N, C-alpha and C. Protein backbone atom coordinates (compact mmCIF):
# COMPACT_ATOMS: atom_id res chain seq x y z
N GLN A 1 39.20 126.59 -160.63
CA GLN A 1 40.33 126.22 -161.27
C GLN A 1 40.30 127.10 -162.64
N GLN A 2 41.55 127.49 -163.12
CA GLN A 2 41.66 128.33 -164.18
C GLN A 2 42.48 127.73 -165.27
N LEU A 3 42.29 127.81 -166.49
CA LEU A 3 43.04 127.24 -167.51
C LEU A 3 43.32 128.40 -168.32
N ASP A 4 44.54 128.37 -168.97
CA ASP A 4 45.07 129.46 -169.86
C ASP A 4 44.59 129.15 -171.09
N ARG A 5 43.64 129.78 -171.85
CA ARG A 5 43.06 129.39 -173.13
C ARG A 5 44.24 129.34 -174.21
N ALA A 6 45.21 130.18 -174.00
CA ALA A 6 46.24 130.03 -175.05
C ALA A 6 46.93 128.94 -175.09
N ASP A 7 46.80 128.00 -174.22
CA ASP A 7 47.56 126.62 -174.11
C ASP A 7 46.75 125.61 -175.08
N PHE A 8 45.65 125.99 -175.67
CA PHE A 8 44.71 125.23 -176.38
C PHE A 8 44.50 125.86 -177.64
N GLU A 9 44.00 124.93 -178.58
CA GLU A 9 43.48 125.51 -179.94
C GLU A 9 42.37 126.23 -179.75
N ARG A 10 42.12 127.21 -180.77
CA ARG A 10 40.99 128.25 -180.69
C ARG A 10 40.75 128.76 -179.36
N PRO A 11 41.60 129.66 -178.91
CA PRO A 11 41.28 130.24 -177.46
C PRO A 11 40.12 131.25 -177.54
N ASP A 12 39.69 131.53 -178.79
CA ASP A 12 38.56 132.59 -178.98
C ASP A 12 37.34 131.89 -178.93
N ALA A 13 37.16 130.50 -178.77
CA ALA A 13 35.84 129.76 -178.76
C ALA A 13 35.34 130.06 -177.38
N PRO A 14 33.96 130.09 -177.35
CA PRO A 14 33.39 130.36 -176.00
C PRO A 14 33.42 129.23 -174.91
N TRP A 15 33.58 128.00 -175.42
CA TRP A 15 33.80 126.85 -174.52
C TRP A 15 34.91 126.00 -174.96
N LEU A 16 35.46 125.57 -173.91
CA LEU A 16 36.64 124.53 -174.21
C LEU A 16 36.37 123.26 -173.44
N VAL A 17 36.41 122.14 -173.96
CA VAL A 17 36.45 120.82 -173.37
C VAL A 17 37.81 120.21 -173.53
N VAL A 18 38.46 119.84 -172.46
CA VAL A 18 39.78 119.34 -172.53
C VAL A 18 39.89 118.23 -171.76
N LEU A 19 40.40 117.07 -172.36
CA LEU A 19 40.56 115.82 -171.81
C LEU A 19 42.01 115.59 -171.49
N PHE A 20 42.28 115.37 -170.18
CA PHE A 20 43.64 114.98 -169.82
C PHE A 20 43.81 113.55 -169.81
N THR A 21 44.46 112.79 -170.77
CA THR A 21 44.55 111.40 -170.85
C THR A 21 45.95 110.83 -170.79
N SER A 22 46.11 109.51 -170.95
CA SER A 22 47.45 108.83 -171.00
C SER A 22 47.15 107.69 -171.95
N SER A 23 48.15 107.39 -172.71
CA SER A 23 48.07 106.25 -173.67
C SER A 23 48.14 104.87 -172.79
N ASN A 24 48.54 104.92 -171.72
CA ASN A 24 48.51 103.67 -171.10
C ASN A 24 47.20 103.48 -170.10
N CYS A 25 46.33 104.26 -170.24
CA CYS A 25 45.20 104.36 -169.53
C CYS A 25 44.02 103.57 -170.25
N ASP A 26 43.53 102.64 -169.62
CA ASP A 26 42.54 101.71 -170.43
C ASP A 26 41.15 102.62 -170.38
N SER A 27 40.89 103.18 -169.25
CA SER A 27 39.70 103.94 -169.31
C SER A 27 39.61 105.32 -170.14
N CYS A 28 40.77 105.66 -170.54
CA CYS A 28 40.86 106.75 -171.45
C CYS A 28 40.39 106.46 -172.92
N ALA A 29 40.69 105.34 -173.20
CA ALA A 29 40.28 104.77 -174.64
C ALA A 29 38.86 105.09 -175.07
N GLY A 30 38.90 105.87 -176.22
CA GLY A 30 37.64 106.32 -176.86
C GLY A 30 36.94 107.58 -176.24
N LEU A 31 37.48 108.01 -175.25
CA LEU A 31 36.77 109.22 -174.74
C LEU A 31 37.03 110.60 -175.66
N TYR A 32 38.21 110.73 -176.03
CA TYR A 32 38.23 111.94 -177.07
C TYR A 32 37.30 111.75 -178.25
N ASP A 33 37.05 110.60 -178.81
CA ASP A 33 36.15 110.45 -179.95
C ASP A 33 34.65 110.85 -179.55
N LYS A 34 34.30 110.35 -178.22
CA LYS A 34 33.15 110.87 -177.60
C LYS A 34 32.94 112.29 -177.65
N ALA A 35 33.94 112.88 -177.15
CA ALA A 35 34.01 114.27 -176.98
C ALA A 35 34.02 115.08 -178.16
N ARG A 36 34.73 114.61 -179.19
CA ARG A 36 34.84 115.39 -180.49
C ARG A 36 33.50 115.80 -181.29
N ALA A 37 32.39 114.94 -180.86
CA ALA A 37 31.19 115.12 -181.28
C ALA A 37 30.76 116.51 -180.96
N LEU A 38 31.24 117.14 -179.90
CA LEU A 38 30.89 118.48 -179.37
C LEU A 38 31.42 119.56 -180.21
N GLU A 39 32.41 119.25 -181.00
CA GLU A 39 33.12 120.32 -181.81
C GLU A 39 32.29 121.13 -182.58
N SER A 40 32.22 122.55 -182.46
CA SER A 40 31.58 123.34 -183.12
C SER A 40 32.15 124.74 -183.26
N ALA A 41 31.54 125.52 -183.70
CA ALA A 41 32.02 127.18 -183.74
C ALA A 41 32.01 127.52 -182.19
N GLU A 42 31.38 127.08 -181.38
CA GLU A 42 30.98 127.41 -179.99
C GLU A 42 32.07 126.78 -179.00
N VAL A 43 32.27 125.46 -179.35
CA VAL A 43 32.99 124.45 -178.40
C VAL A 43 34.17 123.90 -179.20
N VAL A 44 35.39 124.00 -178.54
CA VAL A 44 36.49 123.48 -179.04
C VAL A 44 36.98 122.28 -178.05
N VAL A 45 37.26 121.11 -178.61
CA VAL A 45 37.70 120.02 -177.90
C VAL A 45 39.12 119.82 -178.02
N ALA A 46 39.76 119.60 -176.87
CA ALA A 46 41.30 119.32 -177.09
C ALA A 46 41.65 118.04 -176.14
N GLU A 47 42.67 117.54 -176.51
CA GLU A 47 43.28 116.36 -175.55
C GLU A 47 44.70 116.74 -175.18
N GLY A 48 45.07 116.51 -173.97
CA GLY A 48 46.28 116.73 -173.62
C GLY A 48 46.80 115.16 -173.02
N GLU A 49 47.40 114.31 -173.94
CA GLU A 49 47.79 113.09 -173.69
C GLU A 49 49.15 113.32 -172.89
N TYR A 50 49.27 112.52 -171.83
CA TYR A 50 50.48 112.71 -170.94
C TYR A 50 51.70 112.46 -171.52
N PHE A 51 51.97 111.45 -172.27
CA PHE A 51 53.36 111.20 -172.81
C PHE A 51 53.67 112.06 -174.00
N ALA A 52 52.61 112.77 -174.67
CA ALA A 52 52.88 113.80 -175.64
C ALA A 52 52.96 115.27 -175.10
N GLN A 53 52.38 115.49 -173.86
CA GLN A 53 52.34 116.75 -173.45
C GLN A 53 52.49 116.77 -171.76
N PRO A 54 53.41 116.18 -171.39
CA PRO A 54 53.65 116.08 -169.76
C PRO A 54 53.63 117.40 -169.23
N GLU A 55 54.08 118.31 -169.90
CA GLU A 55 54.11 119.62 -169.35
C GLU A 55 52.88 120.35 -169.00
N LEU A 56 51.78 120.01 -169.99
CA LEU A 56 50.51 120.41 -169.74
C LEU A 56 49.76 119.76 -168.42
N HIS A 57 50.11 118.38 -168.25
CA HIS A 57 49.50 117.87 -166.97
C HIS A 57 50.36 118.41 -165.81
N GLU A 58 51.67 118.91 -165.80
CA GLU A 58 52.31 119.34 -164.91
C GLU A 58 51.90 120.64 -164.43
N ARG A 59 51.64 121.47 -165.53
CA ARG A 59 51.07 122.91 -165.38
C ARG A 59 49.71 122.96 -164.62
N TYR A 60 48.95 121.92 -164.92
CA TYR A 60 47.71 122.13 -164.24
C TYR A 60 47.31 120.96 -163.12
N GLY A 61 48.53 120.37 -162.60
CA GLY A 61 48.31 119.51 -161.51
C GLY A 61 47.66 118.28 -161.88
N VAL A 62 47.53 117.80 -163.01
CA VAL A 62 46.71 116.69 -163.39
C VAL A 62 47.53 115.53 -162.79
N ASP A 63 47.21 114.70 -161.97
CA ASP A 63 47.98 113.37 -161.69
C ASP A 63 46.99 112.12 -161.71
N ALA A 64 45.86 112.35 -162.33
CA ALA A 64 45.12 111.12 -162.70
C ALA A 64 44.53 111.29 -164.08
N ALA A 65 44.31 110.32 -164.76
CA ALA A 65 43.54 110.33 -166.00
C ALA A 65 42.62 109.19 -166.14
N PRO A 66 41.52 109.25 -166.73
CA PRO A 66 41.17 110.67 -167.46
C PRO A 66 40.52 111.52 -166.60
N MET A 67 40.80 112.93 -166.85
CA MET A 67 40.17 114.03 -166.23
C MET A 67 39.89 115.04 -167.30
N THR A 68 38.52 115.33 -167.38
CA THR A 68 38.06 116.28 -168.46
C THR A 68 37.46 117.49 -167.67
N LEU A 69 37.92 118.54 -168.38
CA LEU A 69 37.38 119.96 -167.61
C LEU A 69 36.74 120.74 -168.84
N ILE A 70 35.78 121.32 -168.35
CA ILE A 70 34.81 122.23 -169.07
C ILE A 70 35.06 123.58 -168.72
N ALA A 71 35.57 124.43 -169.64
CA ALA A 71 35.98 126.02 -169.36
C ALA A 71 35.22 126.94 -170.04
N ASP A 72 34.95 128.03 -169.63
CA ASP A 72 34.21 129.25 -170.33
C ASP A 72 35.39 129.92 -171.28
N ALA A 73 34.94 130.95 -171.70
CA ALA A 73 35.74 131.76 -172.66
C ALA A 73 37.03 132.43 -171.77
N GLN A 74 36.80 132.57 -170.53
CA GLN A 74 37.99 133.15 -169.82
C GLN A 74 38.70 132.13 -169.21
N GLY A 75 38.59 130.81 -169.44
CA GLY A 75 39.29 129.56 -168.86
C GLY A 75 38.90 129.20 -167.55
N VAL A 76 37.86 129.83 -167.04
CA VAL A 76 37.30 129.45 -165.75
C VAL A 76 36.63 127.92 -165.85
N VAL A 77 37.16 127.02 -165.14
CA VAL A 77 36.50 125.63 -165.10
C VAL A 77 35.08 125.72 -164.63
N ARG A 78 34.10 125.28 -165.41
CA ARG A 78 32.81 125.41 -164.82
C ARG A 78 32.15 123.96 -164.60
N GLY A 79 32.93 123.02 -165.18
CA GLY A 79 32.42 121.61 -164.93
C GLY A 79 33.53 120.43 -165.12
N SER A 80 33.46 119.45 -164.71
CA SER A 80 34.68 118.45 -164.75
C SER A 80 34.16 117.03 -164.52
N PHE A 81 34.86 116.00 -165.06
CA PHE A 81 34.61 114.61 -164.92
C PHE A 81 36.03 114.03 -164.44
N LEU A 82 35.99 113.25 -163.48
CA LEU A 82 37.06 112.49 -163.03
C LEU A 82 36.90 111.02 -163.38
N GLY A 83 37.49 110.47 -164.36
CA GLY A 83 37.08 109.14 -164.74
C GLY A 83 36.62 109.05 -166.12
N ALA A 84 36.15 107.93 -166.55
CA ALA A 84 35.41 107.87 -167.81
C ALA A 84 34.02 108.40 -167.60
N PHE A 85 33.44 108.74 -168.76
CA PHE A 85 32.02 109.34 -168.93
C PHE A 85 31.36 108.75 -170.11
N SER A 86 30.05 108.81 -170.01
CA SER A 86 29.32 108.41 -171.27
C SER A 86 29.20 109.71 -172.09
N ALA A 87 28.97 109.47 -173.47
CA ALA A 87 28.75 110.61 -174.24
C ALA A 87 27.44 111.46 -173.99
N PRO A 88 26.48 110.79 -173.42
CA PRO A 88 25.23 111.66 -173.08
C PRO A 88 25.58 112.52 -171.69
N GLU A 89 26.32 111.87 -170.88
CA GLU A 89 26.72 112.68 -169.74
C GLU A 89 27.50 113.99 -170.02
N LEU A 90 28.48 114.00 -170.85
CA LEU A 90 29.38 115.04 -171.19
C LEU A 90 28.62 115.96 -172.04
N TRP A 91 27.76 115.60 -173.15
CA TRP A 91 26.80 116.29 -173.79
C TRP A 91 25.77 117.14 -173.00
N THR A 92 25.39 116.48 -171.94
CA THR A 92 24.43 117.11 -171.12
C THR A 92 25.04 118.29 -170.38
N ALA A 93 26.26 117.92 -169.82
CA ALA A 93 26.87 118.91 -168.94
C ALA A 93 27.31 120.19 -169.74
N VAL A 94 27.75 119.87 -171.01
CA VAL A 94 28.19 121.10 -171.75
C VAL A 94 26.89 121.78 -172.19
N ALA A 95 25.84 121.21 -172.50
CA ALA A 95 24.69 121.89 -172.93
C ALA A 95 23.96 122.75 -171.69
N GLU A 96 24.06 122.25 -170.66
CA GLU A 96 23.52 122.94 -169.25
C GLU A 96 24.47 124.04 -169.11
N LEU A 97 25.64 123.93 -169.23
CA LEU A 97 26.52 125.20 -168.86
C LEU A 97 26.52 126.33 -170.01
N ARG A 98 26.37 125.87 -171.18
CA ARG A 98 26.12 126.80 -172.43
C ARG A 98 24.70 127.55 -172.14
N ALA A 99 23.75 126.80 -171.53
CA ALA A 99 22.51 127.36 -171.54
C ALA A 99 22.50 128.47 -170.23
N GLY A 100 23.38 128.29 -169.49
CA GLY A 100 23.67 129.25 -168.35
C GLY A 100 22.69 129.05 -167.35
């Protein structure tokens, strides 16, 4: 899967973590806060909440929330989570991808 990095903040960052969420999704609660801890010069973290950005969900065919995608500098999705995750699971996945 491919993301257009221009759809998200800081498209020049080497890594993007994007959470597709919905405000009426109980399992989405708190995930963005867990992911934001990864924010750095190398990693940008974005949230696409369904009711605020339905066009983003439609563009990428997201029909379930939460969905988290980890994309490289070219927007190629290198990792993903469907459903809730623990902070260590996400942090480990991003660290492993960054290490190559």
